[in-house]
Amino acid sequence: MRKRDLDKFRKLLTMQRALLIENARRALAGDIHLDPDDFPDEMDAASSEINLAFLGRLRERERGLISKIDQALAKIEANKYGLCESCGEEIGIKRLDARPVAELCIDCKSEQERLERRMG
Protein backbone atom coordinates (compact mmCIF):
# COMPACT_ATOMS: atom_id res chain seq x y z
CA MET A 1 0.00 0.00 0.00
CA ARG A 2 1.25 3.48 -0.82
CA LYS A 3 2.38 5.82 1.93
CA ARG A 4 -0.25 8.36 0.91
CA ASP A 5 -3.00 5.76 1.38
CA LEU A 6 -1.59 4.69 4.75
CA ASP A 7 -1.50 8.31 5.91
CA LYS A 8 -5.11 8.78 4.78
CA PHE A 9 -6.29 5.72 6.70
CA ARG A 10 -4.20 6.61 9.78
CA LYS A 11 -5.85 10.05 9.86
CA LEU A 12 -9.34 8.61 9.27
CA LEU A 13 -8.96 5.94 11.95
CA THR A 14 -7.53 8.43 14.45
CA MET A 15 -10.45 10.81 13.85
CA GLN A 16 -13.01 7.99 14.21
CA ARG A 17 -11.37 6.87 17.46
CA ALA A 18 -11.38 10.40 18.88
CA LEU A 19 -15.06 10.83 17.98
CA LEU A 20 -16.03 7.54 19.64
CA ILE A 21 -14.10 8.39 22.79
CA GLU A 22 -15.66 11.85 22.93
CA ASN A 23 -19.14 10.31 22.57
CA ALA A 24 -18.35 7.92 25.42
CA ARG A 25 -17.13 10.78 27.61
CA ARG A 26 -20.32 12.72 26.99
CA ALA A 27 -22.41 9.66 27.80
CA LEU A 28 -20.50 9.12 31.05
CA ALA A 29 -20.77 12.79 31.95
CA GLY A 30 -24.56 12.54 31.65
CA ASP A 31 -26.36 11.40 34.73
CA ILE A 32 -27.61 8.00 33.62
CA HIS A 33 -29.73 6.52 36.34
CA LEU A 34 -33.24 5.28 36.92
CA ASP A 35 -35.24 6.51 39.84
CA PRO A 36 -38.65 4.81 40.05
CA ASP A 37 -40.12 7.98 41.52
CA ASP A 38 -39.36 9.84 38.28
CA PHE A 39 -41.92 7.84 36.30
CA PRO A 40 -45.66 8.14 36.83
CA ASP A 41 -46.45 4.68 35.49
CA GLU A 42 -44.89 1.33 34.66
CA MET A 43 -44.90 1.97 30.91
CA ASP A 44 -42.70 5.06 31.29
CA ALA A 45 -40.31 3.14 33.52
CA ALA A 46 -40.16 0.19 31.09
CA SER A 47 -39.58 2.51 28.15
CA SER A 48 -36.74 4.23 29.98
CA GLU A 49 -35.17 0.88 30.89
CA ILE A 50 -35.34 -0.24 27.26
CA ASN A 51 -33.67 2.99 26.16
CA LEU A 52 -30.89 2.54 28.72
CA ALA A 53 -30.37 -1.07 27.64
CA PHE A 54 -30.13 0.07 24.02
CA LEU A 55 -27.58 2.73 24.96
CA GLY A 56 -25.59 0.10 26.85
CA ARG A 57 -25.49 -2.17 23.78
CA LEU A 58 -24.50 0.78 21.61
CA ARG A 59 -21.65 1.69 23.97
CA GLU A 60 -20.47 -1.94 23.93
CA ARG A 61 -20.39 -1.90 20.13
CA GLU A 62 -18.47 1.37 20.20
CA ARG A 63 -15.95 -0.14 22.62
CA GLY A 64 -15.45 -3.04 20.20
CA LEU A 65 -14.98 -0.63 17.31
CA ILE A 66 -12.38 1.34 19.27
CA SER A 67 -10.51 -1.94 19.81
CA LYS A 68 -10.61 -2.69 16.07
CA ILE A 69 -9.42 0.83 15.29
CA ASP A 70 -6.50 0.36 17.70
CA GLN A 71 -5.62 -2.92 15.99
CA ALA A 72 -5.77 -1.25 12.56
CA LEU A 73 -3.53 1.61 13.73
CA ALA A 74 -1.05 -0.93 15.13
CA LYS A 75 -1.04 -2.69 11.75
CA ILE A 76 -0.28 0.61 10.03
CA GLU A 77 2.71 1.09 12.32
CA ALA A 78 3.86 -2.49 11.65
CA ASN A 79 3.40 -2.09 7.86
CA LYS A 80 0.77 -4.85 7.86
CA TYR A 81 -2.33 -2.73 7.30
CA GLY A 82 -4.49 -3.68 4.36
CA LEU A 83 -3.42 -7.32 4.25
CA CYS A 84 -6.06 -10.03 4.57
CA GLU A 85 -5.62 -12.01 7.78
CA SER A 86 -6.85 -15.16 6.05
CA CYS A 87 -5.10 -15.31 2.67
CA GLY A 88 -2.46 -12.59 3.03
CA GLU A 89 -3.52 -10.77 -0.13
CA GLU A 90 -4.09 -7.01 -0.19
CA ILE A 91 -7.53 -5.81 0.82
CA GLY A 92 -8.92 -3.54 -1.88
CA ILE A 93 -8.81 0.21 -1.31
CA LYS A 94 -12.56 0.47 -2.00
CA ARG A 95 -13.24 -2.04 0.77
CA LEU A 96 -10.95 -0.18 3.17
CA ASP A 97 -12.62 3.11 2.22
CA ALA A 98 -15.96 1.55 3.17
CA ARG A 99 -14.64 -0.24 6.28
CA PRO A 100 -11.19 0.95 7.36
CA VAL A 101 -11.02 -1.72 10.10
CA ALA A 102 -11.58 -4.58 7.63
CA GLU A 103 -9.44 -7.61 8.44
CA LEU A 104 -10.42 -9.78 5.49
CA CYS A 105 -10.44 -9.22 1.74
CA ILE A 106 -13.84 -9.33 0.08
CA ASP A 107 -13.38 -12.92 -1.12
CA CYS A 108 -12.44 -14.26 2.32
CA LYS A 109 -15.20 -12.22 4.00
CA SER A 110 -17.76 -13.58 1.53
CA GLU A 111 -16.58 -17.12 2.26
CA GLN A 112 -16.76 -16.49 6.01
CA GLU A 113 -20.33 -15.19 5.70
CA ARG A 114 -21.31 -18.16 3.52
CA LEU A 115 -19.97 -20.57 6.17
CA GLU A 116 -21.76 -18.66 8.95
CA ARG A 117 -25.07 -18.90 7.09
CA ARG A 118 -24.55 -22.63 6.61
CA MET A 119 -23.78 -23.16 10.30
CA GLY A 120 -26.85 -21.32 11.44
C-alpha atoms as a PDB file:
ATOM      1  CA  MET A   1       0.000   0.000   0.000  1.00  0.00           C
ATOM      2  CA  ARG A   2       1.247   3.478  -0.821  1.00  0.00           C
ATOM      3  CA  LYS A   3       2.382   5.821   1.934  1.00  0.00           C
ATOM      4  CA  ARG A   4      -0.248   8.362   0.907  1.00  0.00           C
ATOM      5  CA  ASP A   5      -3.002   5.761   1.381  1.00  0.00           C
ATOM      6  CA  LEU A   6      -1.587   4.687   4.753  1.00  0.00           C
ATOM      7  CA  ASP A   7      -1.499   8.306   5.906  1.00  0.00           C
ATOM      8  CA  LYS A   8      -5.105   8.782   4.785  1.00  0.00           C
ATOM      9  CA  PHE A   9      -6.286   5.718   6.704  1.00  0.00           C
ATOM     10  CA  ARG A  10      -4.200   6.614   9.777  1.00  0.00           C
ATOM     11  CA  LYS A  11      -5.847  10.047   9.859  1.00  0.00           C
ATOM     12  CA  LEU A  12      -9.340   8.611   9.272  1.00  0.00           C
ATOM     13  CA  LEU A  13      -8.964   5.940  11.954  1.00  0.00           C
ATOM     14  CA  THR A  14      -7.530   8.426  14.445  1.00  0.00           C
ATOM     15  CA  MET A  15     -10.447  10.805  13.849  1.00  0.00           C
ATOM     16  CA  GLN A  16     -13.012   7.994  14.214  1.00  0.00           C
ATOM     17  CA  ARG A  17     -11.372   6.873  17.457  1.00  0.00           C
ATOM     18  CA  ALA A  18     -11.377  10.396  18.877  1.00  0.00           C
ATOM     19  CA  LEU A  19     -15.060  10.825  17.980  1.00  0.00           C
ATOM     20  CA  LEU A  20     -16.034   7.540  19.637  1.00  0.00           C
ATOM     21  CA  ILE A  21     -14.101   8.393  22.791  1.00  0.00           C
ATOM     22  CA  GLU A  22     -15.661  11.853  22.932  1.00  0.00           C
ATOM     23  CA  ASN A  23     -19.144  10.315  22.569  1.00  0.00           C
ATOM     24  CA  ALA A  24     -18.351   7.916  25.423  1.00  0.00           C
ATOM     25  CA  ARG A  25     -17.129  10.781  27.612  1.00  0.00           C
ATOM     26  CA  ARG A  26     -20.324  12.723  26.994  1.00  0.00           C
ATOM     27  CA  ALA A  27     -22.413   9.659  27.804  1.00  0.00           C
ATOM     28  CA  LEU A  28     -20.503   9.115  31.047  1.00  0.00           C
ATOM     29  CA  ALA A  29     -20.773  12.789  31.954  1.00  0.00           C
ATOM     30  CA  GLY A  30     -24.565  12.542  31.654  1.00  0.00           C
ATOM     31  CA  ASP A  31     -26.360  11.396  34.733  1.00  0.00           C
ATOM     32  CA  ILE A  32     -27.608   8.003  33.615  1.00  0.00           C
ATOM     33  CA  HIS A  33     -29.732   6.518  36.339  1.00  0.00           C
ATOM     34  CA  LEU A  34     -33.236   5.279  36.921  1.00  0.00           C
ATOM     35  CA  ASP A  35     -35.244   6.510  39.842  1.00  0.00           C
ATOM     36  CA  PRO A  36     -38.653   4.810  40.048  1.00  0.00           C
ATOM     37  CA  ASP A  37     -40.125   7.983  41.521  1.00  0.00           C
ATOM     38  CA  ASP A  38     -39.357   9.845  38.276  1.00  0.00           C
ATOM     39  CA  PHE A  39     -41.918   7.843  36.298  1.00  0.00           C
ATOM     40  CA  PRO A  40     -45.661   8.136  36.826  1.00  0.00           C
ATOM     41  CA  ASP A  41     -46.453   4.676  35.486  1.00  0.00           C
ATOM     42  CA  GLU A  42     -44.887   1.331  34.664  1.00  0.00           C
ATOM     43  CA  MET A  43     -44.904   1.968  30.911  1.00  0.00           C
ATOM     44  CA  ASP A  44     -42.701   5.062  31.292  1.00  0.00           C
ATOM     45  CA  ALA A  45     -40.306   3.136  33.515  1.00  0.00           C
ATOM     46  CA  ALA A  46     -40.164   0.193  31.090  1.00  0.00           C
ATOM     47  CA  SER A  47     -39.583   2.513  28.146  1.00  0.00           C
ATOM     48  CA  SER A  48     -36.742   4.229  29.975  1.00  0.00           C
ATOM     49  CA  GLU A  49     -35.169   0.880  30.893  1.00  0.00           C
ATOM     50  CA  ILE A  50     -35.341  -0.235  27.257  1.00  0.00           C
ATOM     51  CA  ASN A  51     -33.668   2.988  26.157  1.00  0.00           C
ATOM     52  CA  LEU A  52     -30.893   2.542  28.723  1.00  0.00           C
ATOM     53  CA  ALA A  53     -30.368  -1.069  27.645  1.00  0.00           C
ATOM     54  CA  PHE A  54     -30.134   0.065  24.021  1.00  0.00           C
ATOM     55  CA  LEU A  55     -27.581   2.729  24.964  1.00  0.00           C
ATOM     56  CA  GLY A  56     -25.592   0.096  26.846  1.00  0.00           C
ATOM     57  CA  ARG A  57     -25.488  -2.170  23.781  1.00  0.00           C
ATOM     58  CA  LEU A  58     -24.504   0.783  21.613  1.00  0.00           C
ATOM     59  CA  ARG A  59     -21.646   1.687  23.967  1.00  0.00           C
ATOM     60  CA  GLU A  60     -20.467  -1.943  23.934  1.00  0.00           C
ATOM     61  CA  ARG A  61     -20.387  -1.901  20.127  1.00  0.00           C
ATOM     62  CA  GLU A  62     -18.470   1.375  20.199  1.00  0.00           C
ATOM     63  CA  ARG A  63     -15.951  -0.138  22.620  1.00  0.00           C
ATOM     64  CA  GLY A  64     -15.452  -3.039  20.201  1.00  0.00           C
ATOM     65  CA  LEU A  65     -14.983  -0.626  17.309  1.00  0.00           C
ATOM     66  CA  ILE A  66     -12.378   1.336  19.267  1.00  0.00           C
ATOM     67  CA  SER A  67     -10.506  -1.935  19.814  1.00  0.00           C
ATOM     68  CA  LYS A  68     -10.609  -2.695  16.074  1.00  0.00           C
ATOM     69  CA  ILE A  69      -9.425   0.831  15.292  1.00  0.00           C
ATOM     70  CA  ASP A  70      -6.501   0.363  17.705  1.00  0.00           C
ATOM     71  CA  GLN A  71      -5.618  -2.916  15.987  1.00  0.00           C
ATOM     72  CA  ALA A  72      -5.766  -1.253  12.555  1.00  0.00           C
ATOM     73  CA  LEU A  73      -3.533   1.613  13.734  1.00  0.00           C
ATOM     74  CA  ALA A  74      -1.046  -0.927  15.128  1.00  0.00           C
ATOM     75  CA  LYS A  75      -1.036  -2.691  11.751  1.00  0.00           C
ATOM     76  CA  ILE A  76      -0.282   0.608  10.031  1.00  0.00           C
ATOM     77  CA  GLU A  77       2.710   1.088  12.317  1.00  0.00           C
ATOM     78  CA  ALA A  78       3.856  -2.489  11.651  1.00  0.00           C
ATOM     79  CA  ASN A  79       3.401  -2.087   7.862  1.00  0.00           C
ATOM     80  CA  LYS A  80       0.771  -4.850   7.855  1.00  0.00           C
ATOM     81  CA  TYR A  81      -2.329  -2.726   7.297  1.00  0.00           C
ATOM     82  CA  GLY A  82      -4.488  -3.685   4.360  1.00  0.00           C
ATOM     83  CA  LEU A  83      -3.422  -7.324   4.252  1.00  0.00           C
ATOM     84  CA  CYS A  84      -6.061 -10.031   4.571  1.00  0.00           C
ATOM     85  CA  GLU A  85      -5.622 -12.015   7.782  1.00  0.00           C
ATOM     86  CA  SER A  86      -6.847 -15.157   6.047  1.00  0.00           C
ATOM     87  CA  CYS A  87      -5.101 -15.312   2.674  1.00  0.00           C
ATOM     88  CA  GLY A  88      -2.456 -12.593   3.035  1.00  0.00           C
ATOM     89  CA  GLU A  89      -3.524 -10.770  -0.128  1.00  0.00           C
ATOM     90  CA  GLU A  90      -4.093  -7.012  -0.190  1.00  0.00           C
ATOM     91  CA  ILE A  91      -7.530  -5.809   0.819  1.00  0.00           C
ATOM     92  CA  GLY A  92      -8.923  -3.541  -1.878  1.00  0.00           C
ATOM     93  CA  ILE A  93      -8.812   0.211  -1.311  1.00  0.00           C
ATOM     94  CA  LYS A  94     -12.558   0.466  -2.001  1.00  0.00           C
ATOM     95  CA  ARG A  95     -13.239  -2.042   0.774  1.00  0.00           C
ATOM     96  CA  LEU A  96     -10.948  -0.179   3.166  1.00  0.00           C
ATOM     97  CA  ASP A  97     -12.616   3.106   2.223  1.00  0.00           C
ATOM     98  CA  ALA A  98     -15.961   1.552   3.166  1.00  0.00           C
ATOM     99  CA  ARG A  99     -14.644  -0.241   6.277  1.00  0.00           C
ATOM    100  CA  PRO A 100     -11.190   0.948   7.361  1.00  0.00           C
ATOM    101  CA  VAL A 101     -11.021  -1.719  10.098  1.00  0.00           C
ATOM    102  CA  ALA A 102     -11.579  -4.579   7.631  1.00  0.00           C
ATOM    103  CA  GLU A 103      -9.442  -7.606   8.441  1.00  0.00           C
ATOM    104  CA  LEU A 104     -10.420  -9.781   5.494  1.00  0.00           C
ATOM    105  CA  CYS A 105     -10.437  -9.216   1.742  1.00  0.00           C
ATOM    106  CA  ILE A 106     -13.837  -9.329   0.076  1.00  0.00           C
ATOM    107  CA  ASP A 107     -13.384 -12.924  -1.118  1.00  0.00           C
ATOM    108  CA  CYS A 108     -12.438 -14.255   2.324  1.00  0.00           C
ATOM    109  CA  LYS A 109     -15.200 -12.223   3.999  1.00  0.00           C
ATOM    110  CA  SER A 110     -17.765 -13.583   1.530  1.00  0.00           C
ATOM    111  CA  GLU A 111     -16.580 -17.120   2.261  1.00  0.00           C
ATOM    112  CA  GLN A 112     -16.759 -16.485   6.011  1.00  0.00           C
ATOM    113  CA  GLU A 113     -20.328 -15.190   5.703  1.00  0.00           C
ATOM    114  CA  ARG A 114     -21.308 -18.165   3.525  1.00  0.00           C
ATOM    115  CA  LEU A 115     -19.968 -20.568   6.173  1.00  0.00           C
ATOM    116  CA  GLU A 116     -21.762 -18.662   8.955  1.00  0.00           C
ATOM    117  CA  ARG A 117     -25.066 -18.900   7.092  1.00  0.00           C
ATOM    118  CA  ARG A 118     -24.551 -22.628   6.608  1.00  0.00           C
ATOM    119  CA  MET A 119     -23.777 -23.159  10.295  1.00  0.00           C
ATOM    120  CA  GLY A 120     -26.847 -21.325  11.436  1.00  0.00           C
END
